[in-house]
Amino acid sequence: MSKEFKEMLSFTDGPVRFEKNDRGHLKIQNKPWPWSVKEFEFDTLRSLVSAYNCKRGFEIATGFGVSAVALGLGFKETNGKLVTMDAYVEELHNHPDSYRRSSPVVNTASNDFKTAKYLINKFDLNEVVFPELGWSPRDTGDVLKKHLAPGEKLDFVFIDGAHSYKAVMKDLKAYAPKVKQKCGLLGHDIDYPSIQKALKDSSIDYEVGPDNVWQQKI
């Protein structure tokens, strides 16, 4: 299993310290939310990028950077790059459904954003992972223009933003046309009925991967 995931628990020189909750997620000490992906999911995300030799990836959203590190380690192996975008509103509301409850605002004073940048630097991923502030999918186009050449397409998208049916449908419609049929779309929290319904109604052919991750069939 991933030594990097475990290593985060020992970090003491950053803006925060981490702990593991009773369900296997990392979280920032003394904060109820957000939670990271689990260790097994961390390894899965990294290995999928490497196995498919993905070169251009996009993540929405990273929480405080753990999943971005997992994906970034994979993209480092393939000499690729990852753009990770988050509005960081969970930090404002201290609730996992913050995106559902919030208007499309961006937390520009986010400490979780600082933590994500700290982790990216800690794992020597500054030339691989590019963190951005933004609301999905409203700000996606402007963010990707900064990092992709004209006409360049993504070959990997990981969706872990708002979990309401309406928001998931918006994300699926926004990202599906941007993805080459090589690695495709992935997402988190397939146990949410709203996500299952959105995938069904969008006619995306998908399979449930390890733990709580879904993957578009290729």
N, C-alpha and C. Protein backbone atom coordinates (compact mmCIF):
# COMPACT_ATOMS: atom_id res chain seq x y z
N MET A 1 0.84 -1.20 0.00
CA MET A 1 0.00 0.00 0.00
C MET A 1 0.87 1.25 0.00
N SER A 2 0.26 2.38 -0.24
CA SER A 2 1.00 3.60 -0.49
C SER A 2 1.74 4.14 0.73
N LYS A 3 3.04 4.27 0.59
CA LYS A 3 3.82 4.88 1.67
C LYS A 3 3.55 6.38 1.75
N GLU A 4 3.20 7.00 0.62
CA GLU A 4 2.92 8.44 0.63
C GLU A 4 1.69 8.78 1.45
N PHE A 5 0.66 7.95 1.35
CA PHE A 5 -0.56 8.17 2.13
C PHE A 5 -0.25 8.13 3.62
N LYS A 6 0.49 7.13 4.04
CA LYS A 6 0.86 7.00 5.45
C LYS A 6 1.79 8.12 5.88
N GLU A 7 2.67 8.53 4.97
CA GLU A 7 3.66 9.55 5.30
C GLU A 7 3.02 10.88 5.69
N MET A 8 1.87 11.19 5.13
CA MET A 8 1.22 12.45 5.43
C MET A 8 0.88 12.59 6.92
N LEU A 9 0.63 11.47 7.57
CA LEU A 9 0.29 11.50 8.99
C LEU A 9 1.46 11.96 9.85
N SER A 10 2.67 11.89 9.30
CA SER A 10 3.86 12.26 10.08
C SER A 10 4.33 13.69 9.81
N PHE A 11 3.70 14.39 8.87
CA PHE A 11 4.15 15.74 8.52
C PHE A 11 3.88 16.72 9.67
N THR A 12 4.89 17.47 10.03
CA THR A 12 4.75 18.45 11.12
C THR A 12 5.19 19.85 10.72
N ASP A 13 5.69 20.02 9.49
CA ASP A 13 6.24 21.31 9.09
C ASP A 13 5.29 22.13 8.22
N GLY A 14 4.07 21.64 8.02
CA GLY A 14 3.14 22.33 7.14
C GLY A 14 2.14 23.20 7.89
N PRO A 15 1.16 23.73 7.17
CA PRO A 15 0.16 24.61 7.79
C PRO A 15 -0.79 23.88 8.71
N VAL A 16 -0.92 22.56 8.56
CA VAL A 16 -1.84 21.76 9.39
C VAL A 16 -1.19 20.41 9.67
N ARG A 17 -1.83 19.66 10.54
CA ARG A 17 -1.45 18.27 10.76
C ARG A 17 -2.65 17.38 10.41
N PHE A 18 -2.34 16.15 10.03
CA PHE A 18 -3.37 15.24 9.55
C PHE A 18 -3.62 14.10 10.53
N GLU A 19 -4.80 13.53 10.44
CA GLU A 19 -5.15 12.34 11.21
C GLU A 19 -6.05 11.48 10.35
N LYS A 20 -6.17 10.19 10.71
CA LYS A 20 -7.05 9.29 9.99
C LYS A 20 -8.31 9.08 10.82
N ASN A 21 -9.49 9.19 10.17
CA ASN A 21 -10.72 8.96 10.92
C ASN A 21 -11.05 7.46 10.96
N ASP A 22 -12.13 7.11 11.61
CA ASP A 22 -12.44 5.70 11.81
C ASP A 22 -12.93 5.00 10.55
N ARG A 23 -13.09 5.74 9.46
CA ARG A 23 -13.50 5.13 8.19
C ARG A 23 -12.35 5.04 7.19
N GLY A 24 -11.15 5.44 7.62
CA GLY A 24 -9.97 5.28 6.78
C GLY A 24 -9.61 6.48 5.92
N HIS A 25 -10.31 7.59 6.10
CA HIS A 25 -10.00 8.81 5.36
C HIS A 25 -9.02 9.67 6.16
N LEU A 26 -8.17 10.43 5.47
CA LEU A 26 -7.39 11.45 6.15
C LEU A 26 -8.23 12.70 6.30
N LYS A 27 -7.99 13.44 7.36
CA LYS A 27 -8.63 14.73 7.58
C LYS A 27 -7.65 15.62 8.33
N ILE A 28 -7.93 16.90 8.32
CA ILE A 28 -7.12 17.85 9.07
C ILE A 28 -7.53 17.79 10.54
N GLN A 29 -6.55 17.77 11.41
CA GLN A 29 -6.84 17.70 12.83
C GLN A 29 -7.73 18.87 13.27
N ASN A 30 -8.70 18.55 14.11
CA ASN A 30 -9.62 19.54 14.70
C ASN A 30 -10.59 20.15 13.68
N LYS A 31 -10.73 19.51 12.52
CA LYS A 31 -11.72 19.94 11.53
C LYS A 31 -12.56 18.74 11.11
N PRO A 32 -13.88 18.88 11.11
CA PRO A 32 -14.72 17.73 10.74
C PRO A 32 -14.66 17.38 9.26
N TRP A 33 -14.49 18.37 8.39
CA TRP A 33 -14.48 18.18 6.94
C TRP A 33 -13.45 19.10 6.32
N PRO A 34 -13.00 18.78 5.11
CA PRO A 34 -13.34 17.62 4.27
C PRO A 34 -12.55 16.37 4.64
N TRP A 35 -12.98 15.25 4.07
CA TRP A 35 -12.26 13.99 4.17
C TRP A 35 -11.54 13.72 2.85
N SER A 36 -10.41 13.04 2.93
CA SER A 36 -9.69 12.65 1.72
C SER A 36 -10.25 11.34 1.18
N VAL A 37 -9.74 10.93 0.03
CA VAL A 37 -9.96 9.56 -0.41
C VAL A 37 -9.28 8.62 0.57
N LYS A 38 -9.71 7.36 0.57
CA LYS A 38 -9.07 6.36 1.42
C LYS A 38 -7.76 5.90 0.78
N GLU A 39 -6.96 5.17 1.58
CA GLU A 39 -5.66 4.71 1.08
C GLU A 39 -5.80 3.84 -0.15
N PHE A 40 -6.77 2.93 -0.15
CA PHE A 40 -6.96 2.05 -1.29
C PHE A 40 -7.36 2.84 -2.53
N GLU A 41 -8.19 3.86 -2.35
CA GLU A 41 -8.58 4.72 -3.47
C GLU A 41 -7.39 5.55 -3.95
N PHE A 42 -6.57 5.99 -3.03
CA PHE A 42 -5.34 6.72 -3.36
C PHE A 42 -4.49 5.89 -4.31
N ASP A 43 -4.27 4.63 -3.96
CA ASP A 43 -3.46 3.74 -4.79
C ASP A 43 -4.13 3.47 -6.14
N THR A 44 -5.47 3.33 -6.13
CA THR A 44 -6.19 3.07 -7.36
C THR A 44 -6.05 4.22 -8.34
N LEU A 45 -6.24 5.45 -7.86
CA LEU A 45 -6.13 6.62 -8.74
C LEU A 45 -4.74 6.72 -9.35
N ARG A 46 -3.75 6.54 -8.53
CA ARG A 46 -2.37 6.62 -9.02
C ARG A 46 -2.10 5.55 -10.08
N SER A 47 -2.51 4.32 -9.80
CA SER A 47 -2.21 3.22 -10.71
C SER A 47 -2.96 3.32 -12.03
N LEU A 48 -4.20 3.87 -12.01
CA LEU A 48 -4.96 4.01 -13.26
C LEU A 48 -4.29 4.99 -14.21
N VAL A 49 -3.81 6.12 -13.68
CA VAL A 49 -3.11 7.09 -14.52
C VAL A 49 -1.89 6.44 -15.16
N SER A 50 -1.13 5.72 -14.36
CA SER A 50 0.08 5.07 -14.85
C SER A 50 -0.24 3.95 -15.84
N ALA A 51 -1.23 3.13 -15.51
CA ALA A 51 -1.55 1.98 -16.37
C ALA A 51 -2.02 2.39 -17.75
N TYR A 52 -2.80 3.48 -17.84
CA TYR A 52 -3.31 3.96 -19.12
C TYR A 52 -2.37 4.97 -19.79
N ASN A 53 -1.27 5.26 -19.11
CA ASN A 53 -0.29 6.22 -19.65
C ASN A 53 -0.94 7.56 -19.99
N CYS A 54 -1.76 8.05 -19.07
CA CYS A 54 -2.45 9.32 -19.28
C CYS A 54 -1.48 10.49 -19.23
N LYS A 55 -1.76 11.52 -20.00
CA LYS A 55 -0.85 12.66 -20.12
C LYS A 55 -1.45 13.98 -19.66
N ARG A 56 -2.76 14.13 -19.80
CA ARG A 56 -3.39 15.40 -19.45
C ARG A 56 -4.64 15.13 -18.61
N GLY A 57 -4.59 15.54 -17.35
CA GLY A 57 -5.68 15.24 -16.44
C GLY A 57 -6.28 16.45 -15.78
N PHE A 58 -7.52 16.29 -15.34
CA PHE A 58 -8.23 17.35 -14.64
C PHE A 58 -8.99 16.73 -13.48
N GLU A 59 -8.93 17.37 -12.32
CA GLU A 59 -9.64 16.89 -11.14
C GLU A 59 -10.55 17.96 -10.59
N ILE A 60 -11.76 17.57 -10.26
CA ILE A 60 -12.69 18.42 -9.54
C ILE A 60 -13.36 17.56 -8.48
N ALA A 61 -13.14 17.71 -7.23
CA ALA A 61 -12.36 18.70 -6.53
C ALA A 61 -11.42 17.94 -5.58
N THR A 62 -10.43 18.59 -4.98
CA THR A 62 -9.40 17.85 -4.25
C THR A 62 -9.51 17.94 -2.74
N GLY A 63 -10.36 18.82 -2.22
CA GLY A 63 -10.52 18.92 -0.75
C GLY A 63 -9.38 19.67 -0.11
N PHE A 64 -8.32 18.96 0.24
CA PHE A 64 -7.11 19.64 0.72
C PHE A 64 -5.85 19.01 0.11
N GLY A 65 -6.02 18.25 -0.99
CA GLY A 65 -4.87 17.89 -1.79
C GLY A 65 -4.46 16.43 -1.84
N VAL A 66 -5.10 15.56 -1.06
CA VAL A 66 -4.65 14.17 -1.01
C VAL A 66 -4.86 13.45 -2.35
N SER A 67 -6.05 13.59 -2.91
CA SER A 67 -6.29 12.94 -4.20
C SER A 67 -5.45 13.55 -5.31
N ALA A 68 -5.17 14.84 -5.22
CA ALA A 68 -4.29 15.48 -6.21
C ALA A 68 -2.89 14.90 -6.15
N VAL A 69 -2.42 14.59 -4.95
CA VAL A 69 -1.11 13.95 -4.81
C VAL A 69 -1.13 12.56 -5.43
N ALA A 70 -2.19 11.79 -5.15
CA ALA A 70 -2.30 10.44 -5.73
C ALA A 70 -2.24 10.49 -7.25
N LEU A 71 -3.07 11.35 -7.84
CA LEU A 71 -3.07 11.48 -9.29
C LEU A 71 -1.75 12.04 -9.79
N GLY A 72 -1.21 13.02 -9.07
CA GLY A 72 0.05 13.63 -9.48
C GLY A 72 1.20 12.65 -9.53
N LEU A 73 1.24 11.73 -8.58
CA LEU A 73 2.29 10.70 -8.59
C LEU A 73 2.17 9.84 -9.84
N GLY A 74 0.94 9.55 -10.25
CA GLY A 74 0.75 8.81 -11.48
C GLY A 74 1.19 9.60 -12.70
N PHE A 75 0.80 10.87 -12.75
CA PHE A 75 1.18 11.70 -13.90
C PHE A 75 2.68 11.97 -13.93
N LYS A 76 3.32 11.96 -12.79
CA LYS A 76 4.78 12.11 -12.78
C LYS A 76 5.44 10.91 -13.46
N GLU A 77 4.88 9.73 -13.26
CA GLU A 77 5.41 8.53 -13.90
C GLU A 77 5.23 8.56 -15.41
N THR A 78 4.16 9.23 -15.89
CA THR A 78 3.89 9.26 -17.33
C THR A 78 4.42 10.52 -18.01
N ASN A 79 5.10 11.37 -17.23
CA ASN A 79 5.56 12.67 -17.74
C ASN A 79 4.38 13.53 -18.21
N GLY A 80 3.26 13.43 -17.50
CA GLY A 80 2.07 14.20 -17.82
C GLY A 80 1.86 15.34 -16.85
N LYS A 81 0.64 15.89 -16.86
CA LYS A 81 0.32 16.99 -15.95
C LYS A 81 -1.15 16.90 -15.53
N LEU A 82 -1.42 17.42 -14.35
CA LEU A 82 -2.76 17.43 -13.79
C LEU A 82 -3.13 18.83 -13.36
N VAL A 83 -4.31 19.28 -13.74
CA VAL A 83 -4.89 20.51 -13.21
C VAL A 83 -5.97 20.11 -12.22
N THR A 84 -5.88 20.62 -10.99
CA THR A 84 -6.90 20.31 -9.98
C THR A 84 -7.59 21.60 -9.56
N MET A 85 -8.92 21.62 -9.64
CA MET A 85 -9.69 22.84 -9.35
C MET A 85 -10.69 22.57 -8.24
N ASP A 86 -10.80 23.51 -7.31
CA ASP A 86 -11.73 23.39 -6.20
C ASP A 86 -12.19 24.79 -5.81
N ALA A 87 -13.43 24.88 -5.36
CA ALA A 87 -13.94 26.16 -4.84
C ALA A 87 -13.72 26.27 -3.33
N TYR A 88 -13.40 25.17 -2.69
CA TYR A 88 -13.05 25.13 -1.26
C TYR A 88 -14.16 25.68 -0.37
N VAL A 89 -15.40 25.34 -0.70
CA VAL A 89 -16.51 25.81 0.12
C VAL A 89 -16.81 24.89 1.30
N GLU A 90 -16.30 23.64 1.25
CA GLU A 90 -16.46 22.77 2.42
C GLU A 90 -15.83 23.40 3.66
N GLU A 91 -14.75 24.10 3.44
CA GLU A 91 -14.06 24.78 4.53
C GLU A 91 -14.94 25.87 5.14
N LEU A 92 -15.75 26.51 4.32
CA LEU A 92 -16.61 27.59 4.81
C LEU A 92 -17.77 27.05 5.64
N HIS A 93 -18.33 25.90 5.23
CA HIS A 93 -19.56 25.41 5.83
C HIS A 93 -19.36 24.20 6.75
N ASN A 94 -18.15 23.61 6.71
CA ASN A 94 -17.86 22.44 7.54
C ASN A 94 -18.91 21.34 7.38
N HIS A 95 -19.23 21.04 6.12
CA HIS A 95 -20.24 20.02 5.86
C HIS A 95 -19.96 19.38 4.50
N PRO A 96 -20.15 18.06 4.37
CA PRO A 96 -19.83 17.40 3.10
C PRO A 96 -20.74 17.80 1.94
N ASP A 97 -21.92 18.34 2.24
CA ASP A 97 -22.83 18.77 1.18
C ASP A 97 -22.75 20.28 0.94
N SER A 98 -21.59 20.86 1.21
CA SER A 98 -21.44 22.31 1.10
C SER A 98 -21.74 22.81 -0.30
N TYR A 99 -21.35 22.06 -1.33
CA TYR A 99 -21.58 22.51 -2.70
C TYR A 99 -23.07 22.56 -3.03
N ARG A 100 -23.81 21.61 -2.45
CA ARG A 100 -25.24 21.60 -2.68
C ARG A 100 -25.90 22.82 -2.05
N ARG A 101 -25.36 23.25 -0.90
CA ARG A 101 -25.96 24.34 -0.13
C ARG A 101 -25.47 25.73 -0.56
N SER A 102 -24.38 25.78 -1.28
CA SER A 102 -23.74 27.05 -1.57
C SER A 102 -24.09 27.57 -2.96
N SER A 103 -24.12 28.89 -3.08
CA SER A 103 -24.17 29.51 -4.40
C SER A 103 -22.80 29.37 -5.04
N PRO A 104 -22.68 29.59 -6.34
CA PRO A 104 -21.38 29.41 -7.02
C PRO A 104 -20.34 30.46 -6.63
N VAL A 105 -19.79 30.31 -5.44
CA VAL A 105 -18.75 31.21 -4.96
C VAL A 105 -17.46 30.42 -4.79
N VAL A 106 -16.35 31.15 -4.72
CA VAL A 106 -15.04 30.53 -4.53
C VAL A 106 -14.42 31.11 -3.26
N ASN A 107 -13.92 30.23 -2.42
CA ASN A 107 -13.28 30.63 -1.17
C ASN A 107 -11.83 31.03 -1.45
N THR A 108 -11.61 32.28 -1.76
CA THR A 108 -10.28 32.74 -2.17
C THR A 108 -9.30 32.83 -1.00
N ALA A 109 -9.80 32.75 0.23
CA ALA A 109 -8.93 32.80 1.40
C ALA A 109 -8.78 31.42 2.03
N SER A 110 -8.88 30.39 1.23
CA SER A 110 -8.93 29.02 1.73
C SER A 110 -7.60 28.53 2.32
N ASN A 111 -7.65 28.03 3.55
CA ASN A 111 -6.49 27.36 4.13
C ASN A 111 -6.31 25.96 3.53
N ASP A 112 -7.41 25.34 3.09
CA ASP A 112 -7.30 24.03 2.45
C ASP A 112 -6.55 24.15 1.12
N PHE A 113 -6.73 25.26 0.41
CA PHE A 113 -5.97 25.50 -0.82
C PHE A 113 -4.48 25.60 -0.50
N LYS A 114 -4.15 26.29 0.57
CA LYS A 114 -2.75 26.39 1.00
C LYS A 114 -2.20 25.01 1.36
N THR A 115 -3.03 24.20 2.00
CA THR A 115 -2.61 22.85 2.36
C THR A 115 -2.36 21.99 1.13
N ALA A 116 -3.24 22.12 0.12
CA ALA A 116 -3.04 21.38 -1.13
C ALA A 116 -1.72 21.77 -1.78
N LYS A 117 -1.42 23.05 -1.81
CA LYS A 117 -0.16 23.50 -2.41
C LYS A 117 1.04 23.00 -1.60
N TYR A 118 0.88 22.95 -0.28
CA TYR A 118 1.94 22.41 0.58
C TYR A 118 2.22 20.95 0.23
N LEU A 119 1.17 20.14 0.11
CA LEU A 119 1.35 18.72 -0.21
C LEU A 119 1.96 18.53 -1.60
N ILE A 120 1.52 19.33 -2.55
CA ILE A 120 2.09 19.24 -3.90
C ILE A 120 3.59 19.52 -3.86
N ASN A 121 3.97 20.53 -3.11
CA ASN A 121 5.39 20.86 -2.97
C ASN A 121 6.14 19.77 -2.20
N LYS A 122 5.52 19.24 -1.15
CA LYS A 122 6.15 18.24 -0.30
C LYS A 122 6.52 16.99 -1.09
N PHE A 123 5.70 16.63 -2.05
CA PHE A 123 5.95 15.43 -2.84
C PHE A 123 6.61 15.75 -4.18
N ASP A 124 7.17 16.95 -4.29
CA ASP A 124 7.93 17.35 -5.48
C ASP A 124 7.10 17.22 -6.75
N LEU A 125 5.89 17.78 -6.70
CA LEU A 125 4.96 17.69 -7.83
C LEU A 125 4.65 19.06 -8.45
N ASN A 126 5.46 20.06 -8.14
CA ASN A 126 5.17 21.42 -8.62
C ASN A 126 5.18 21.54 -10.14
N GLU A 127 5.92 20.67 -10.82
CA GLU A 127 5.96 20.70 -12.28
C GLU A 127 4.96 19.74 -12.90
N VAL A 128 4.13 19.12 -12.04
CA VAL A 128 3.18 18.11 -12.51
C VAL A 128 1.74 18.49 -12.18
N VAL A 129 1.51 18.98 -10.96
CA VAL A 129 0.16 19.29 -10.49
C VAL A 129 0.00 20.80 -10.34
N PHE A 130 -1.08 21.32 -10.93
CA PHE A 130 -1.32 22.75 -10.96
C PHE A 130 -2.66 23.06 -10.30
N PRO A 131 -2.64 23.51 -9.04
CA PRO A 131 -3.88 23.77 -8.31
C PRO A 131 -4.49 25.11 -8.70
N GLU A 132 -5.81 25.12 -8.85
CA GLU A 132 -6.52 26.33 -9.23
C GLU A 132 -7.78 26.50 -8.38
N LEU A 133 -8.18 27.75 -8.22
CA LEU A 133 -9.44 28.08 -7.57
C LEU A 133 -10.52 28.23 -8.64
N GLY A 134 -11.68 27.60 -8.41
CA GLY A 134 -12.74 27.75 -9.40
C GLY A 134 -13.95 26.90 -9.06
N TRP A 135 -15.08 27.26 -9.66
CA TRP A 135 -16.35 26.55 -9.45
C TRP A 135 -16.65 25.73 -10.70
N SER A 136 -16.92 24.46 -10.52
CA SER A 136 -17.19 23.58 -11.66
C SER A 136 -18.69 23.54 -11.98
N PRO A 137 -19.03 23.55 -13.29
CA PRO A 137 -18.14 23.69 -14.44
C PRO A 137 -18.00 25.14 -14.93
N ARG A 138 -18.52 26.09 -14.17
CA ARG A 138 -18.51 27.48 -14.61
C ARG A 138 -17.12 27.97 -15.00
N ASP A 139 -16.12 27.66 -14.20
CA ASP A 139 -14.78 28.21 -14.40
C ASP A 139 -13.84 27.26 -15.13
N THR A 140 -14.35 26.10 -15.53
CA THR A 140 -13.48 25.08 -16.11
C THR A 140 -12.77 25.57 -17.37
N GLY A 141 -13.52 26.19 -18.28
CA GLY A 141 -12.93 26.62 -19.54
C GLY A 141 -11.78 27.58 -19.35
N ASP A 142 -11.96 28.58 -18.51
CA ASP A 142 -10.90 29.57 -18.28
C ASP A 142 -9.68 28.94 -17.62
N VAL A 143 -9.93 28.01 -16.69
CA VAL A 143 -8.82 27.36 -16.00
C VAL A 143 -8.01 26.49 -16.96
N LEU A 144 -8.70 25.70 -17.77
CA LEU A 144 -7.99 24.80 -18.68
C LEU A 144 -7.24 25.56 -19.77
N LYS A 145 -7.74 26.71 -20.16
CA LYS A 145 -7.03 27.51 -21.17
C LYS A 145 -5.64 27.91 -20.70
N LYS A 146 -5.48 28.03 -19.40
CA LYS A 146 -4.19 28.40 -18.85
C LYS A 146 -3.17 27.27 -18.96
N HIS A 147 -3.65 26.04 -19.07
CA HIS A 147 -2.75 24.90 -18.95
C HIS A 147 -2.71 23.98 -20.17
N LEU A 148 -3.67 24.11 -21.08
CA LEU A 148 -3.70 23.26 -22.26
C LEU A 148 -3.43 24.08 -23.51
N ALA A 149 -2.73 23.49 -24.44
CA ALA A 149 -2.50 24.14 -25.72
C ALA A 149 -3.80 24.16 -26.52
N PRO A 150 -3.95 25.11 -27.46
CA PRO A 150 -5.17 25.15 -28.28
C PRO A 150 -5.43 23.82 -28.96
N GLY A 151 -6.64 23.31 -28.80
CA GLY A 151 -7.01 22.04 -29.41
C GLY A 151 -6.61 20.80 -28.62
N GLU A 152 -5.84 21.00 -27.57
CA GLU A 152 -5.40 19.85 -26.76
C GLU A 152 -6.54 19.34 -25.89
N LYS A 153 -6.69 18.02 -25.83
CA LYS A 153 -7.78 17.43 -25.05
C LYS A 153 -7.25 16.71 -23.82
N LEU A 154 -8.14 16.54 -22.87
CA LEU A 154 -7.84 15.76 -21.68
C LEU A 154 -7.96 14.28 -22.00
N ASP A 155 -7.19 13.46 -21.29
CA ASP A 155 -7.41 12.02 -21.40
C ASP A 155 -7.75 11.40 -20.04
N PHE A 156 -7.99 12.27 -19.04
CA PHE A 156 -8.33 11.77 -17.71
C PHE A 156 -9.05 12.87 -16.95
N VAL A 157 -10.23 12.57 -16.42
CA VAL A 157 -10.97 13.50 -15.58
C VAL A 157 -11.49 12.75 -14.36
N PHE A 158 -11.20 13.26 -13.17
CA PHE A 158 -11.71 12.68 -11.93
C PHE A 158 -12.69 13.66 -11.30
N ILE A 159 -13.94 13.23 -11.15
CA ILE A 159 -15.01 14.10 -10.66
C ILE A 159 -15.34 13.76 -9.20
N ASP A 160 -15.14 14.72 -8.32
CA ASP A 160 -15.47 14.53 -6.91
C ASP A 160 -15.96 15.85 -6.32
N GLY A 161 -16.79 16.55 -7.09
CA GLY A 161 -17.31 17.85 -6.66
C GLY A 161 -18.66 17.70 -5.99
N ALA A 162 -19.58 18.58 -6.34
CA ALA A 162 -20.92 18.53 -5.76
C ALA A 162 -21.59 17.21 -6.12
N HIS A 163 -22.31 16.62 -5.15
CA HIS A 163 -22.89 15.29 -5.35
C HIS A 163 -24.39 15.31 -5.63
N SER A 164 -24.98 16.48 -5.79
CA SER A 164 -26.39 16.52 -6.14
C SER A 164 -26.58 16.04 -7.58
N TYR A 165 -27.76 15.56 -7.89
CA TYR A 165 -28.05 15.08 -9.25
C TYR A 165 -27.78 16.16 -10.28
N LYS A 166 -28.28 17.37 -10.02
CA LYS A 166 -28.13 18.47 -10.97
C LYS A 166 -26.67 18.81 -11.21
N ALA A 167 -25.88 18.86 -10.13
CA ALA A 167 -24.48 19.22 -10.26
C ALA A 167 -23.69 18.13 -10.99
N VAL A 168 -23.96 16.88 -10.68
CA VAL A 168 -23.25 15.79 -11.35
C VAL A 168 -23.57 15.77 -12.84
N MET A 169 -24.84 16.00 -13.19
CA MET A 169 -25.21 16.05 -14.60
C MET A 169 -24.47 17.17 -15.32
N LYS A 170 -24.35 18.33 -14.67
CA LYS A 170 -23.62 19.45 -15.27
C LYS A 170 -22.16 19.09 -15.51
N ASP A 171 -21.55 18.43 -14.52
CA ASP A 171 -20.15 18.05 -14.66
C ASP A 171 -19.96 17.02 -15.76
N LEU A 172 -20.84 16.03 -15.81
CA LEU A 172 -20.71 15.00 -16.83
C LEU A 172 -20.86 15.60 -18.24
N LYS A 173 -21.83 16.49 -18.41
CA LYS A 173 -22.03 17.12 -19.72
C LYS A 173 -20.87 18.03 -20.08
N ALA A 174 -20.26 18.66 -19.07
CA ALA A 174 -19.16 19.58 -19.33
C ALA A 174 -17.88 18.85 -19.71
N TYR A 175 -17.62 17.71 -19.07
CA TYR A 175 -16.32 17.07 -19.24
C TYR A 175 -16.29 15.96 -20.27
N ALA A 176 -17.40 15.29 -20.48
CA ALA A 176 -17.40 14.18 -21.43
C ALA A 176 -16.87 14.59 -22.81
N PRO A 177 -17.26 15.76 -23.37
CA PRO A 177 -16.73 16.13 -24.68
C PRO A 177 -15.25 16.49 -24.68
N LYS A 178 -14.70 16.75 -23.51
CA LYS A 178 -13.30 17.17 -23.42
C LYS A 178 -12.34 15.99 -23.27
N VAL A 179 -12.88 14.79 -23.15
CA VAL A 179 -12.05 13.63 -22.84
C VAL A 179 -11.88 12.74 -24.06
N LYS A 180 -10.65 12.43 -24.41
CA LYS A 180 -10.37 11.47 -25.45
C LYS A 180 -10.72 10.07 -24.95
N GLN A 181 -11.15 9.21 -25.84
CA GLN A 181 -11.52 7.85 -25.43
C GLN A 181 -10.27 7.01 -25.24
N LYS A 182 -9.60 7.30 -24.15
CA LYS A 182 -8.39 6.56 -23.81
C LYS A 182 -8.44 6.18 -22.34
N CYS A 183 -8.49 7.17 -21.50
CA CYS A 183 -8.63 6.93 -20.06
C CYS A 183 -10.05 7.22 -19.61
N GLY A 184 -10.63 8.30 -20.12
CA GLY A 184 -12.02 8.60 -19.85
C GLY A 184 -12.29 9.25 -18.52
N LEU A 185 -13.52 9.12 -18.08
CA LEU A 185 -13.99 9.75 -16.86
C LEU A 185 -13.94 8.78 -15.69
N LEU A 186 -13.63 9.34 -14.52
CA LEU A 186 -13.76 8.60 -13.28
C LEU A 186 -14.47 9.50 -12.28
N GLY A 187 -14.99 8.90 -11.22
CA GLY A 187 -15.62 9.70 -10.19
C GLY A 187 -15.61 8.99 -8.86
N HIS A 188 -15.94 9.72 -7.83
CA HIS A 188 -15.92 9.20 -6.47
C HIS A 188 -17.35 9.09 -5.94
N ASP A 189 -17.52 8.31 -4.87
CA ASP A 189 -18.77 8.21 -4.11
C ASP A 189 -19.92 7.65 -4.93
N ILE A 190 -19.69 6.52 -5.57
CA ILE A 190 -20.72 5.88 -6.37
C ILE A 190 -21.88 5.38 -5.51
N ASP A 191 -21.69 5.36 -4.20
CA ASP A 191 -22.78 4.92 -3.32
C ASP A 191 -23.88 5.97 -3.17
N TYR A 192 -23.66 7.18 -3.70
CA TYR A 192 -24.70 8.21 -3.67
C TYR A 192 -25.75 7.90 -4.74
N PRO A 193 -27.03 7.76 -4.38
CA PRO A 193 -28.07 7.54 -5.40
C PRO A 193 -28.13 8.65 -6.44
N SER A 194 -27.82 9.88 -6.05
CA SER A 194 -27.85 10.99 -7.00
C SER A 194 -26.80 10.81 -8.08
N ILE A 195 -25.64 10.27 -7.74
CA ILE A 195 -24.59 10.04 -8.72
C ILE A 195 -24.96 8.87 -9.63
N GLN A 196 -25.50 7.82 -9.06
CA GLN A 196 -25.94 6.67 -9.85
C GLN A 196 -27.01 7.09 -10.88
N LYS A 197 -27.97 7.91 -10.44
CA LYS A 197 -29.03 8.35 -11.35
C LYS A 197 -28.48 9.24 -12.46
N ALA A 198 -27.53 10.14 -12.11
CA ALA A 198 -26.94 11.01 -13.11
C ALA A 198 -26.18 10.22 -14.16
N LEU A 199 -25.43 9.22 -13.73
CA LEU A 199 -24.70 8.38 -14.68
C LEU A 199 -25.67 7.63 -15.59
N LYS A 200 -26.75 7.12 -15.03
CA LYS A 200 -27.74 6.40 -15.83
C LYS A 200 -28.40 7.33 -16.84
N ASP A 201 -28.80 8.51 -16.39
CA ASP A 201 -29.52 9.44 -17.27
C ASP A 201 -28.61 10.07 -18.32
N SER A 202 -27.33 10.09 -18.06
CA SER A 202 -26.39 10.65 -19.03
C SER A 202 -25.94 9.61 -20.05
N SER A 203 -26.38 8.36 -19.84
CA SER A 203 -26.07 7.24 -20.74
C SER A 203 -24.58 6.93 -20.82
N ILE A 204 -23.85 7.26 -19.77
CA ILE A 204 -22.44 6.90 -19.71
C ILE A 204 -22.31 5.45 -19.27
N ASP A 205 -21.61 4.66 -20.05
CA ASP A 205 -21.39 3.26 -19.73
C ASP A 205 -20.24 3.19 -18.72
N TYR A 206 -20.54 2.77 -17.52
CA TYR A 206 -19.53 2.80 -16.47
C TYR A 206 -19.53 1.49 -15.69
N GLU A 207 -18.46 1.30 -14.95
CA GLU A 207 -18.34 0.16 -14.05
C GLU A 207 -17.86 0.65 -12.70
N VAL A 208 -18.22 -0.09 -11.67
CA VAL A 208 -17.79 0.27 -10.32
C VAL A 208 -16.43 -0.35 -10.07
N GLY A 209 -15.46 0.51 -9.75
CA GLY A 209 -14.13 0.04 -9.47
C GLY A 209 -13.95 -0.31 -8.01
N PRO A 210 -12.71 -0.41 -7.57
CA PRO A 210 -12.43 -0.74 -6.17
C PRO A 210 -13.04 0.28 -5.22
N ASP A 211 -13.61 -0.20 -4.15
CA ASP A 211 -14.17 0.62 -3.09
C ASP A 211 -15.28 1.51 -3.64
N ASN A 212 -15.08 2.82 -3.70
CA ASN A 212 -16.17 3.75 -3.96
C ASN A 212 -15.95 4.57 -5.23
N VAL A 213 -15.15 4.07 -6.14
CA VAL A 213 -14.79 4.78 -7.37
C VAL A 213 -15.53 4.17 -8.55
N TRP A 214 -16.09 5.02 -9.44
CA TRP A 214 -16.68 4.53 -10.68
C TRP A 214 -15.79 4.94 -11.84
N GLN A 215 -15.81 4.16 -12.91
CA GLN A 215 -14.96 4.40 -14.07
C GLN A 215 -15.75 4.18 -15.34
N GLN A 216 -15.62 5.12 -16.26
CA GLN A 216 -16.24 4.95 -17.58
C GLN A 216 -15.59 3.76 -18.29
N LYS A 217 -16.41 2.90 -18.90
CA LYS A 217 -15.87 1.77 -19.64
C LYS A 217 -15.22 2.27 -20.92
N ILE A 218 -14.08 1.71 -21.22
CA ILE A 218 -13.32 2.16 -22.40
C ILE A 218 -13.30 1.04 -23.44
